[in-house]
Amino acid sequence: ASAVAARPASDPCTPDGGPLAHVANPAYVIYTSGSTGTPKGVVV
């Protein structure tokens, strides 16, 4: 908690001010059921 509170409040960005991820990068992973009974992660 103390370490996080000491971090900058600004929006993170690259040195040239761009985003740190692009639309082709993964946003989230959700696990759903698998045909073998083993859950599988879907990368969106």
PDB file of all heavy atoms in Angstrom:
ATOM      1  N   ALA A   1       0.820  -1.206   0.000  1.00  0.00           N
ATOM      2  CA  ALA A   1       0.000   0.000   0.000  1.00  0.00           C
ATOM      3  C   ALA A   1       0.856   1.259   0.000  1.00  0.00           C
ATOM      4  O   ALA A   1       0.582   2.219  -0.740  1.00  0.00           O
ATOM      5  CB  ALA A   1      -0.939  -0.007   1.202  1.00  0.00           C
ATOM      6  N   SER A   2       1.904   1.274   0.803  1.00  0.00           N
ATOM      7  CA  SER A   2       2.754   2.469   0.861  1.00  0.00           C
ATOM      8  C   SER A   2       3.568   2.632  -0.416  1.00  0.00           C
ATOM      9  O   SER A   2       3.772   3.758  -0.891  1.00  0.00           O
ATOM     10  CB  SER A   2       3.677   2.402   2.080  1.00  0.00           C
ATOM     11  OG  SER A   2       4.524   1.262   2.006  1.00  0.00           O
ATOM     12  N   ALA A   3       4.021   1.511  -0.978  1.00  0.00           N
ATOM     13  CA  ALA A   3       4.798   1.585  -2.221  1.00  0.00           C
ATOM     14  C   ALA A   3       3.944   2.097  -3.374  1.00  0.00           C
ATOM     15  O   ALA A   3       4.380   2.939  -4.171  1.00  0.00           O
ATOM     16  CB  ALA A   3       5.380   0.214  -2.559  1.00  0.00           C
ATOM     17  N   VAL A   4       2.708   1.583  -3.466  1.00  0.00           N
ATOM     18  CA  VAL A   4       1.812   2.020  -4.539  1.00  0.00           C
ATOM     19  C   VAL A   4       1.455   3.497  -4.367  1.00  0.00           C
ATOM     20  O   VAL A   4       1.419   4.262  -5.338  1.00  0.00           O
ATOM     21  CB  VAL A   4       0.540   1.148  -4.567  1.00  0.00           C
ATOM     22  CG1 VAL A   4      -0.500   1.737  -5.511  1.00  0.00           C
ATOM     23  CG2 VAL A   4       0.881  -0.284  -4.973  1.00  0.00           C
ATOM     24  N   ALA A   5       1.215   3.924  -3.133  1.00  0.00           N
ATOM     25  CA  ALA A   5       0.837   5.318  -2.873  1.00  0.00           C
ATOM     26  C   ALA A   5       1.934   6.300  -3.286  1.00  0.00           C
ATOM     27  O   ALA A   5       1.648   7.469  -3.575  1.00  0.00           O
ATOM     28  CB  ALA A   5       0.504   5.497  -1.392  1.00  0.00           C
ATOM     29  N   ALA A   6       3.166   5.819  -3.324  1.00  0.00           N
ATOM     30  CA  ALA A   6       4.286   6.693  -3.676  1.00  0.00           C
ATOM     31  C   ALA A   6       4.517   6.796  -5.185  1.00  0.00           C
ATOM     32  O   ALA A   6       5.346   7.594  -5.632  1.00  0.00           O
ATOM     33  CB  ALA A   6       5.561   6.180  -3.003  1.00  0.00           C
ATOM     34  N   ARG A   7       3.790   6.007  -5.950  1.00  0.00           N
ATOM     35  CA  ARG A   7       3.972   6.028  -7.407  1.00  0.00           C
ATOM     36  C   ARG A   7       3.299   7.250  -8.025  1.00  0.00           C
ATOM     37  O   ARG A   7       2.400   7.850  -7.431  1.00  0.00           O
ATOM     38  CB  ARG A   7       3.408   4.747  -8.026  1.00  0.00           C
ATOM     39  CG  ARG A   7       4.046   3.462  -7.530  1.00  0.00           C
ATOM     40  CD  ARG A   7       5.511   3.375  -7.881  1.00  0.00           C
ATOM     41  NE  ARG A   7       6.080   2.089  -7.432  1.00  0.00           N
ATOM     42  CZ  ARG A   7       7.366   1.796  -7.464  1.00  0.00           C
ATOM     43  NH1 ARG A   7       8.220   2.710  -7.922  1.00  0.00           N
ATOM     44  NH2 ARG A   7       7.809   0.626  -7.048  1.00  0.00           N
ATOM     45  N   PRO A   8       3.674   7.600  -9.271  1.00  0.00           N
ATOM     46  CA  PRO A   8       3.072   8.774  -9.930  1.00  0.00           C
ATOM     47  C   PRO A   8       1.577   8.583 -10.176  1.00  0.00           C
ATOM     48  O   PRO A   8       1.099   7.462 -10.364  1.00  0.00           O
ATOM     49  CB  PRO A   8       3.836   8.857 -11.268  1.00  0.00           C
ATOM     50  CG  PRO A   8       5.104   8.097 -11.039  1.00  0.00           C
ATOM     51  CD  PRO A   8       4.770   7.017 -10.064  1.00  0.00           C
ATOM     52  N   ALA A   9       0.863   9.701 -10.192  1.00  0.00           N
ATOM     53  CA  ALA A   9      -0.580   9.669 -10.450  1.00  0.00           C
ATOM     54  C   ALA A   9      -0.899   9.841 -11.932  1.00  0.00           C
ATOM     55  O   ALA A   9      -2.062   9.764 -12.329  1.00  0.00           O
ATOM     56  CB  ALA A   9      -1.270  10.767  -9.656  1.00  0.00           C
ATOM     57  N   SER A  10       0.123  10.055 -12.753  1.00  0.00           N
ATOM     58  CA  SER A  10      -0.081  10.327 -14.178  1.00  0.00           C
ATOM     59  C   SER A  10      -0.405   9.050 -14.953  1.00  0.00           C
ATOM     60  O   SER A  10      -0.064   7.938 -14.542  1.00  0.00           O
ATOM     61  CB  SER A  10       1.187  10.956 -14.761  1.00  0.00           C
ATOM     62  OG  SER A  10       2.300  10.097 -14.538  1.00  0.00           O
ATOM     63  N   ASP A  11      -1.059   9.212 -16.098  1.00  0.00           N
ATOM     64  CA  ASP A  11      -1.354   8.071 -16.964  1.00  0.00           C
ATOM     65  C   ASP A  11      -0.051   7.488 -17.499  1.00  0.00           C
ATOM     66  O   ASP A  11       0.752   8.219 -18.095  1.00  0.00           O
ATOM     67  CB  ASP A  11      -2.235   8.504 -18.147  1.00  0.00           C
ATOM     68  CG  ASP A  11      -3.620   8.956 -17.721  1.00  0.00           C
ATOM     69  OD1 ASP A  11      -4.169   8.358 -16.785  1.00  0.00           O
ATOM     70  OD2 ASP A  11      -4.153   9.901 -18.346  1.00  0.00           O
ATOM     71  N   PRO A  12       0.191   6.193 -17.324  1.00  0.00           N
ATOM     72  CA  PRO A  12       1.423   5.586 -17.852  1.00  0.00           C
ATOM     73  C   PRO A  12       1.459   5.689 -19.384  1.00  0.00           C
ATOM     74  O   PRO A  12       0.415   5.583 -20.040  1.00  0.00           O
ATOM     75  CB  PRO A  12       1.320   4.127 -17.405  1.00  0.00           C
ATOM     76  CG  PRO A  12       0.359   4.131 -16.261  1.00  0.00           C
ATOM     77  CD  PRO A  12      -0.618   5.223 -16.576  1.00  0.00           C
ATOM     78  N   CYS A  13       2.631   5.866 -19.935  1.00  0.00           N
ATOM     79  CA  CYS A  13       2.766   5.957 -21.393  1.00  0.00           C
ATOM     80  C   CYS A  13       4.208   5.667 -21.781  1.00  0.00           C
ATOM     81  O   CYS A  13       5.093   5.576 -20.929  1.00  0.00           O
ATOM     82  CB  CYS A  13       2.344   7.335 -21.896  1.00  0.00           C
ATOM     83  SG  CYS A  13       3.336   8.698 -21.232  1.00  0.00           S
ATOM     84  N   THR A  14       4.443   5.510 -23.072  1.00  0.00           N
ATOM     85  CA  THR A  14       5.790   5.315 -23.593  1.00  0.00           C
ATOM     86  C   THR A  14       6.543   6.652 -23.530  1.00  0.00           C
ATOM     87  O   THR A  14       5.933   7.702 -23.312  1.00  0.00           O
ATOM     88  CB  THR A  14       5.733   4.830 -25.045  1.00  0.00           C
ATOM     89  OG1 THR A  14       5.086   5.836 -25.834  1.00  0.00           O
ATOM     90  CG2 THR A  14       4.958   3.522 -25.162  1.00  0.00           C
ATOM     91  N   PRO A  15       7.868   6.650 -23.727  1.00  0.00           N
ATOM     92  CA  PRO A  15       8.628   7.909 -23.689  1.00  0.00           C
ATOM     93  C   PRO A  15       8.109   8.976 -24.645  1.00  0.00           C
ATOM     94  O   PRO A  15       8.237  10.172 -24.381  1.00  0.00           O
ATOM     95  CB  PRO A  15      10.048   7.462 -24.065  1.00  0.00           C
ATOM     96  CG  PRO A  15      10.128   6.051 -23.568  1.00  0.00           C
ATOM     97  CD  PRO A  15       8.761   5.471 -23.821  1.00  0.00           C
ATOM     98  N   ASP A  16       7.490   8.532 -25.762  1.00  0.00           N
ATOM     99  CA  ASP A  16       6.963   9.529 -26.709  1.00  0.00           C
ATOM    100  C   ASP A  16       5.485   9.829 -26.474  1.00  0.00           C
ATOM    101  O   ASP A  16       4.825  10.461 -27.307  1.00  0.00           O
ATOM    102  CB  ASP A  16       7.197   9.080 -28.151  1.00  0.00           C
ATOM    103  CG  ASP A  16       6.495   7.767 -28.480  1.00  0.00           C
ATOM    104  OD1 ASP A  16       5.853   7.190 -27.563  1.00  0.00           O
ATOM    105  OD2 ASP A  16       6.568   7.318 -29.639  1.00  0.00           O
ATOM    106  N   GLY A  17       4.954   9.362 -25.338  1.00  0.00           N
ATOM    107  CA  GLY A  17       3.580   9.682 -24.987  1.00  0.00           C
ATOM    108  C   GLY A  17       2.533   8.730 -25.508  1.00  0.00           C
ATOM    109  O   GLY A  17       1.334   8.975 -25.359  1.00  0.00           O
ATOM    110  N   GLY A  18       2.939   7.615 -26.109  1.00  0.00           N
ATOM    111  CA  GLY A  18       1.994   6.658 -26.673  1.00  0.00           C
ATOM    112  C   GLY A  18       1.521   5.634 -25.647  1.00  0.00           C
ATOM    113  O   GLY A  18       2.036   5.567 -24.526  1.00  0.00           O
ATOM    114  N   PRO A  19       0.544   4.817 -26.024  1.00  0.00           N
ATOM    115  CA  PRO A  19       0.029   3.794 -25.116  1.00  0.00           C
ATOM    116  C   PRO A  19       1.020   2.655 -24.935  1.00  0.00           C
ATOM    117  O   PRO A  19       1.868   2.401 -25.798  1.00  0.00           O
ATOM    118  CB  PRO A  19      -1.240   3.306 -25.816  1.00  0.00           C
ATOM    119  CG  PRO A  19      -0.977   3.546 -27.273  1.00  0.00           C
ATOM    120  CD  PRO A  19      -0.164   4.811 -27.331  1.00  0.00           C
ATOM    121  N   LEU A  20       0.919   1.962 -23.810  1.00  0.00           N
ATOM    122  CA  LEU A  20       1.821   0.843 -23.525  1.00  0.00           C
ATOM    123  C   LEU A  20       1.330  -0.468 -24.129  1.00  0.00           C
ATOM    124  O   LEU A  20       2.041  -1.462 -24.121  1.00  0.00           O
ATOM    125  CB  LEU A  20       1.981   0.683 -22.010  1.00  0.00           C
ATOM    126  CG  LEU A  20       2.682   1.857 -21.331  1.00  0.00           C
ATOM    127  CD1 LEU A  20       2.730   1.655 -19.822  1.00  0.00           C
ATOM    128  CD2 LEU A  20       4.093   2.039 -21.881  1.00  0.00           C
ATOM    129  N   ALA A  21       0.109  -0.464 -24.635  1.00  0.00           N
ATOM    130  CA  ALA A  21      -0.416  -1.623 -25.359  1.00  0.00           C
ATOM    131  C   ALA A  21      -1.153  -1.117 -26.578  1.00  0.00           C
ATOM    132  O   ALA A  21      -1.556   0.058 -26.645  1.00  0.00           O
ATOM    133  CB  ALA A  21      -1.355  -2.438 -24.469  1.00  0.00           C
ATOM    134  N   HIS A  22      -1.320  -1.975 -27.560  1.00  0.00           N
ATOM    135  CA  HIS A  22      -2.038  -1.631 -28.776  1.00  0.00           C
ATOM    136  C   HIS A  22      -3.236  -2.563 -28.928  1.00  0.00           C
ATOM    137  O   HIS A  22      -3.379  -3.541 -28.190  1.00  0.00           O
ATOM    138  CB  HIS A  22      -1.106  -1.712 -29.978  1.00  0.00           C
ATOM    139  CG  HIS A  22       0.061  -0.773 -29.872  1.00  0.00           C
ATOM    140  ND1 HIS A  22      -0.048   0.584 -30.096  1.00  0.00           N
ATOM    141  CD2 HIS A  22       1.353  -0.993 -29.529  1.00  0.00           C
ATOM    142  CE1 HIS A  22       1.123   1.162 -29.900  1.00  0.00           C
ATOM    143  NE2 HIS A  22       1.998   0.228 -29.553  1.00  0.00           N
ATOM    144  N   VAL A  23      -4.105  -2.256 -29.878  1.00  0.00           N
ATOM    145  CA  VAL A  23      -5.357  -3.013 -29.981  1.00  0.00           C
ATOM    146  C   VAL A  23      -5.128  -4.497 -30.241  1.00  0.00           C
ATOM    147  O   VAL A  23      -5.972  -5.323 -29.898  1.00  0.00           O
ATOM    148  CB  VAL A  23      -6.287  -2.421 -31.063  1.00  0.00           C
ATOM    149  CG1 VAL A  23      -6.798  -1.062 -30.651  1.00  0.00           C
ATOM    150  CG2 VAL A  23      -5.598  -2.358 -32.416  1.00  0.00           C
ATOM    151  N   ALA A  24      -3.995  -4.859 -30.812  1.00  0.00           N
ATOM    152  CA  ALA A  24      -3.729  -6.271 -31.101  1.00  0.00           C
ATOM    153  C   ALA A  24      -3.207  -7.026 -29.881  1.00  0.00           C
ATOM    154  O   ALA A  24      -3.117  -8.263 -29.905  1.00  0.00           O
ATOM    155  CB  ALA A  24      -2.736  -6.393 -32.250  1.00  0.00           C
ATOM    156  N   ASN A  25      -2.867  -6.309 -28.814  1.00  0.00           N
ATOM    157  CA  ASN A  25      -2.381  -6.968 -27.595  1.00  0.00           C
ATOM    158  C   ASN A  25      -3.550  -7.509 -26.770  1.00  0.00           C
ATOM    159  O   ASN A  25      -4.655  -6.969 -26.814  1.00  0.00           O
ATOM    160  CB  ASN A  25      -1.582  -5.993 -26.745  1.00  0.00           C
ATOM    161  CG  ASN A  25      -0.256  -5.600 -27.355  1.00  0.00           C
ATOM    162  OD1 ASN A  25       0.055  -4.415 -27.475  1.00  0.00           O
ATOM    163  ND2 ASN A  25       0.549  -6.579 -27.761  1.00  0.00           N
ATOM    164  N   PRO A  26      -3.314  -8.552 -25.972  1.00  0.00           N
ATOM    165  CA  PRO A  26      -4.383  -9.102 -25.122  1.00  0.00           C
ATOM    166  C   PRO A  26      -4.844  -8.095 -24.074  1.00  0.00           C
ATOM    167  O   PRO A  26      -4.043  -7.354 -23.504  1.00  0.00           O
ATOM    168  CB  PRO A  26      -3.725 -10.317 -24.462  1.00  0.00           C
ATOM    169  CG  PRO A  26      -2.593 -10.685 -25.346  1.00  0.00           C
ATOM    170  CD  PRO A  26      -2.096  -9.386 -25.918  1.00  0.00           C
ATOM    171  N   ALA A  27      -6.166  -8.086 -23.827  1.00  0.00           N
ATOM    172  CA  ALA A  27      -6.747  -7.255 -22.776  1.00  0.00           C
ATOM    173  C   ALA A  27      -7.123  -8.100 -21.566  1.00  0.00           C
ATOM    174  O   ALA A  27      -6.942  -7.678 -20.425  1.00  0.00           O
ATOM    175  CB  ALA A  27      -7.980  -6.520 -23.290  1.00  0.00           C
ATOM    176  N   TYR A  28      -7.660  -9.280 -21.812  1.00  0.00           N
ATOM    177  CA  TYR A  28      -8.044 -10.158 -20.706  1.00  0.00           C
ATOM    178  C   TYR A  28      -8.026 -11.611 -21.152  1.00  0.00           C
ATOM    179  O   TYR A  28      -8.053 -11.922 -22.353  1.00  0.00           O
ATOM    180  CB  TYR A  28      -9.416  -9.778 -20.131  1.00  0.00           C
ATOM    181  CG  TYR A  28     -10.584  -9.925 -21.080  1.00  0.00           C
ATOM    182  CD1 TYR A  28     -11.284 -11.130 -21.197  1.00  0.00           C
ATOM    183  CD2 TYR A  28     -11.029  -8.843 -21.842  1.00  0.00           C
ATOM    184  CE1 TYR A  28     -12.369 -11.257 -22.054  1.00  0.00           C
ATOM    185  CE2 TYR A  28     -12.117  -8.966 -22.699  1.00  0.00           C
ATOM    186  CZ  TYR A  28     -12.786 -10.172 -22.802  1.00  0.00           C
ATOM    187  OH  TYR A  28     -13.855 -10.292 -23.655  1.00  0.00           O
ATOM    188  N   VAL A  29      -7.960 -12.493 -20.160  1.00  0.00           N
ATOM    189  CA  VAL A  29      -8.013 -13.943 -20.378  1.00  0.00           C
ATOM    190  C   VAL A  29      -9.126 -14.489 -19.492  1.00  0.00           C
ATOM    191  O   VAL A  29      -9.161 -14.208 -18.289  1.00  0.00           O
ATOM    192  CB  VAL A  29      -6.671 -14.619 -20.037  1.00  0.00           C
ATOM    193  CG1 VAL A  29      -6.783 -16.140 -20.205  1.00  0.00           C
ATOM    194  CG2 VAL A  29      -5.552 -14.071 -20.908  1.00  0.00           C
ATOM    195  N   ILE A  30     -10.039 -15.245 -20.082  1.00  0.00           N
ATOM    196  CA  ILE A  30     -11.126 -15.866 -19.343  1.00  0.00           C
ATOM    197  C   ILE A  30     -11.063 -17.371 -19.562  1.00  0.00           C
ATOM    198  O   ILE A  30     -10.948 -17.828 -20.705  1.00  0.00           O
ATOM    199  CB  ILE A  30     -12.501 -15.342 -19.805  1.00  0.00           C
ATOM    200  CG1 ILE A  30     -12.637 -13.842 -19.523  1.00  0.00           C
ATOM    201  CG2 ILE A  30     -13.636 -16.134 -19.155  1.00  0.00           C
ATOM    202  CD1 ILE A  30     -12.845 -13.491 -18.068  1.00  0.00           C
ATOM    203  N   TYR A  31     -11.125 -18.131 -18.480  1.00  0.00           N
ATOM    204  CA  TYR A  31     -11.106 -19.595 -18.597  1.00  0.00           C
ATOM    205  C   TYR A  31     -12.513 -20.134 -18.745  1.00  0.00           C
ATOM    206  O   TYR A  31     -13.431 -19.744 -18.026  1.00  0.00           O
ATOM    207  CB  TYR A  31     -10.416 -20.223 -17.386  1.00  0.00           C
ATOM    208  CG  TYR A  31      -8.921 -20.330 -17.587  1.00  0.00           C
ATOM    209  CD1 TYR A  31      -8.111 -19.197 -17.439  1.00  0.00           C
ATOM    210  CD2 TYR A  31      -8.319 -21.513 -17.979  1.00  0.00           C
ATOM    211  CE1 TYR A  31      -6.741 -19.260 -17.651  1.00  0.00           C
ATOM    212  CE2 TYR A  31      -6.947 -21.588 -18.202  1.00  0.00           C
ATOM    213  CZ  TYR A  31      -6.167 -20.465 -18.036  1.00  0.00           C
ATOM    214  OH  TYR A  31      -4.820 -20.538 -18.267  1.00  0.00           O
ATOM    215  N   THR A  32     -12.667 -21.025 -19.721  1.00  0.00           N
ATOM    216  CA  THR A  32     -13.950 -21.664 -19.967  1.00  0.00           C
ATOM    217  C   THR A  32     -13.729 -23.173 -20.037  1.00  0.00           C
ATOM    218  O   THR A  32     -12.596 -23.646 -20.049  1.00  0.00           O
ATOM    219  CB  THR A  32     -14.592 -21.131 -21.261  1.00  0.00           C
ATOM    220  OG1 THR A  32     -15.909 -21.660 -21.398  1.00  0.00           O
ATOM    221  CG2 THR A  32     -13.783 -21.494 -22.486  1.00  0.00           C
ATOM    222  N   SER A  33     -14.812 -23.929 -20.089  1.00  0.00           N
ATOM    223  CA  SER A  33     -14.714 -25.378 -20.024  1.00  0.00           C
ATOM    224  C   SER A  33     -14.079 -25.945 -21.287  1.00  0.00           C
ATOM    225  O   SER A  33     -14.231 -25.391 -22.382  1.00  0.00           O
ATOM    226  CB  SER A  33     -16.109 -25.970 -19.829  1.00  0.00           C
ATOM    227  OG  SER A  33     -16.061 -27.349 -19.614  1.00  0.00           O
ATOM    228  N   GLY A  34     -13.374 -27.072 -21.137  1.00  0.00           N
ATOM    229  CA  GLY A  34     -12.736 -27.732 -22.267  1.00  0.00           C
ATOM    230  C   GLY A  34     -13.355 -29.078 -22.564  1.00  0.00           C
ATOM    231  O   GLY A  34     -13.939 -29.711 -21.697  1.00  0.00           O
ATOM    232  N   SER A  35     -13.226 -29.542 -23.811  1.00  0.00           N
ATOM    233  CA  SER A  35     -13.853 -30.792 -24.222  1.00  0.00           C
ATOM    234  C   SER A  35     -13.269 -32.002 -23.504  1.00  0.00           C
ATOM    235  O   SER A  35     -13.896 -33.048 -23.411  1.00  0.00           O
ATOM    236  CB  SER A  35     -13.711 -30.974 -25.740  1.00  0.00           C
ATOM    237  OG  SER A  35     -12.352 -30.954 -26.116  1.00  0.00           O
ATOM    238  N   THR A  36     -12.059 -31.864 -22.960  1.00  0.00           N
ATOM    239  CA  THR A  36     -11.450 -32.964 -22.212  1.00  0.00           C
ATOM    240  C   THR A  36     -11.745 -32.861 -20.724  1.00  0.00           C
ATOM    241  O   THR A  36     -11.281 -33.680 -19.945  1.00  0.00           O
ATOM    242  CB  THR A  36      -9.924 -32.955 -22.406  1.00  0.00           C
ATOM    243  OG1 THR A  36      -9.399 -31.719 -21.890  1.00  0.00           O
ATOM    244  CG2 THR A  36      -9.561 -33.080 -23.872  1.00  0.00           C
ATOM    245  N   GLY A  37     -12.485 -31.840 -20.338  1.00  0.00           N
ATOM    246  CA  GLY A  37     -12.723 -31.609 -18.919  1.00  0.00           C
ATOM    247  C   GLY A  37     -11.701 -30.668 -18.312  1.00  0.00           C
ATOM    248  O   GLY A  37     -11.803 -30.307 -17.152  1.00  0.00           O
ATOM    249  N   THR A  38     -10.699 -30.260 -19.110  1.00  0.00           N
ATOM    250  CA  THR A  38      -9.665 -29.335 -18.643  1.00  0.00           C
ATOM    251  C   THR A  38     -10.021 -27.918 -19.092  1.00  0.00           C
ATOM    252  O   THR A  38     -10.226 -27.693 -20.278  1.00  0.00           O
ATOM    253  CB  THR A  38      -8.289 -29.717 -19.219  1.00  0.00           C
ATOM    254  OG1 THR A  38      -7.974 -31.046 -18.824  1.00  0.00           O
ATOM    255  CG2 THR A  38      -7.216 -28.769 -18.709  1.00  0.00           C
ATOM    256  N   PRO A  39     -10.100 -26.961 -18.172  1.00  0.00           N
ATOM    257  CA  PRO A  39     -10.428 -25.585 -18.574  1.00  0.00           C
ATOM    258  C   PRO A  39      -9.393 -25.033 -19.547  1.00  0.00           C
ATOM    259  O   PRO A  39      -8.222 -25.430 -19.539  1.00  0.00           O
ATOM    260  CB  PRO A  39     -10.408 -24.817 -17.253  1.00  0.00           C
ATOM    261  CG  PRO A  39     -10.599 -25.853 -16.201  1.00  0.00           C
ATOM    262  CD  PRO A  39      -9.944 -27.095 -16.719  1.00  0.00           C
ATOM    263  N   LYS A  40      -9.829 -24.119 -20.394  1.00  0.00           N
ATOM    264  CA  LYS A  40      -8.928 -23.500 -21.367  1.00  0.00           C
ATOM    265  C   LYS A  40      -9.087 -21.988 -21.301  1.00  0.00           C
ATOM    266  O   LYS A  40     -10.184 -21.465 -21.119  1.00  0.00           O
ATOM    267  CB  LYS A  40      -9.214 -24.009 -22.777  1.00  0.00           C
ATOM    268  CG  LYS A  40     -10.654 -23.811 -23.252  1.00  0.00           C
ATOM    269  CD  LYS A  40     -10.889 -24.511 -24.577  1.00  0.00           C
ATOM    270  CE  LYS A  40     -12.294 -24.227 -25.122  1.00  0.00           C
ATOM    271  NZ  LYS A  40     -13.356 -24.818 -24.290  1.00  0.00           N
ATOM    272  N   GLY A  41      -7.967 -21.292 -21.426  1.00  0.00           N
ATOM    273  CA  GLY A  41      -7.987 -19.838 -21.360  1.00  0.00           C
ATOM    274  C   GLY A  41      -8.217 -19.223 -22.720  1.00  0.00           C
ATOM    275  O   GLY A  41      -7.534 -19.561 -23.689  1.00  0.00           O
ATOM    276  N   VAL A  42      -9.179 -18.313 -22.810  1.00  0.00           N
ATOM    277  CA  VAL A  42      -9.462 -17.591 -24.048  1.00  0.00           C
ATOM    278  C   VAL A  42      -8.780 -16.228 -23.972  1.00  0.00           C
ATOM    279  O   VAL A  42      -9.003 -15.471 -23.022  1.00  0.00           O
ATOM    280  CB  VAL A  42     -10.980 -17.412 -24.251  1.00  0.00           C
ATOM    281  CG1 VAL A  42     -11.250 -16.691 -25.565  1.00  0.00           C
ATOM    282  CG2 VAL A  42     -11.691 -18.764 -24.224  1.00  0.00           C
ATOM    283  N   VAL A  43      -7.947 -15.925 -24.958  1.00  0.00           N
ATOM    284  CA  VAL A  43      -7.186 -14.677 -24.979  1.00  0.00           C
ATOM    285  C   VAL A  43      -7.919 -13.676 -25.869  1.00  0.00           C
ATOM    286  O   VAL A  43      -8.045 -13.873 -27.082  1.00  0.00           O
ATOM    287  CB  VAL A  43      -5.758 -14.905 -25.512  1.00  0.00           C
ATOM    288  CG1 VAL A  43      -4.972 -13.590 -25.498  1.00  0.00           C
ATOM    289  CG2 VAL A  43      -5.052 -15.973 -24.695  1.00  0.00           C
ATOM    290  N   VAL A  44      -8.408 -12.595 -25.267  1.00  0.00           N
ATOM    291  CA  VAL A  44      -9.182 -11.582 -25.997  1.00  0.00           C
ATOM    292  C   VAL A  44      -8.376 -10.288 -26.050  1.00  0.00           C
ATOM    293  O   VAL A  44      -7.898  -9.807 -25.017  1.00  0.00           O
ATOM    294  CB  VAL A  44     -10.545 -11.342 -25.322  1.00  0.00           C
ATOM    295  CG1 VAL A  44     -11.350 -10.302 -26.101  1.00  0.00           C
ATOM    296  CG2 VAL A  44     -11.333 -12.649 -25.218  1.00  0.00           C
TER     297      VAL A  44
END
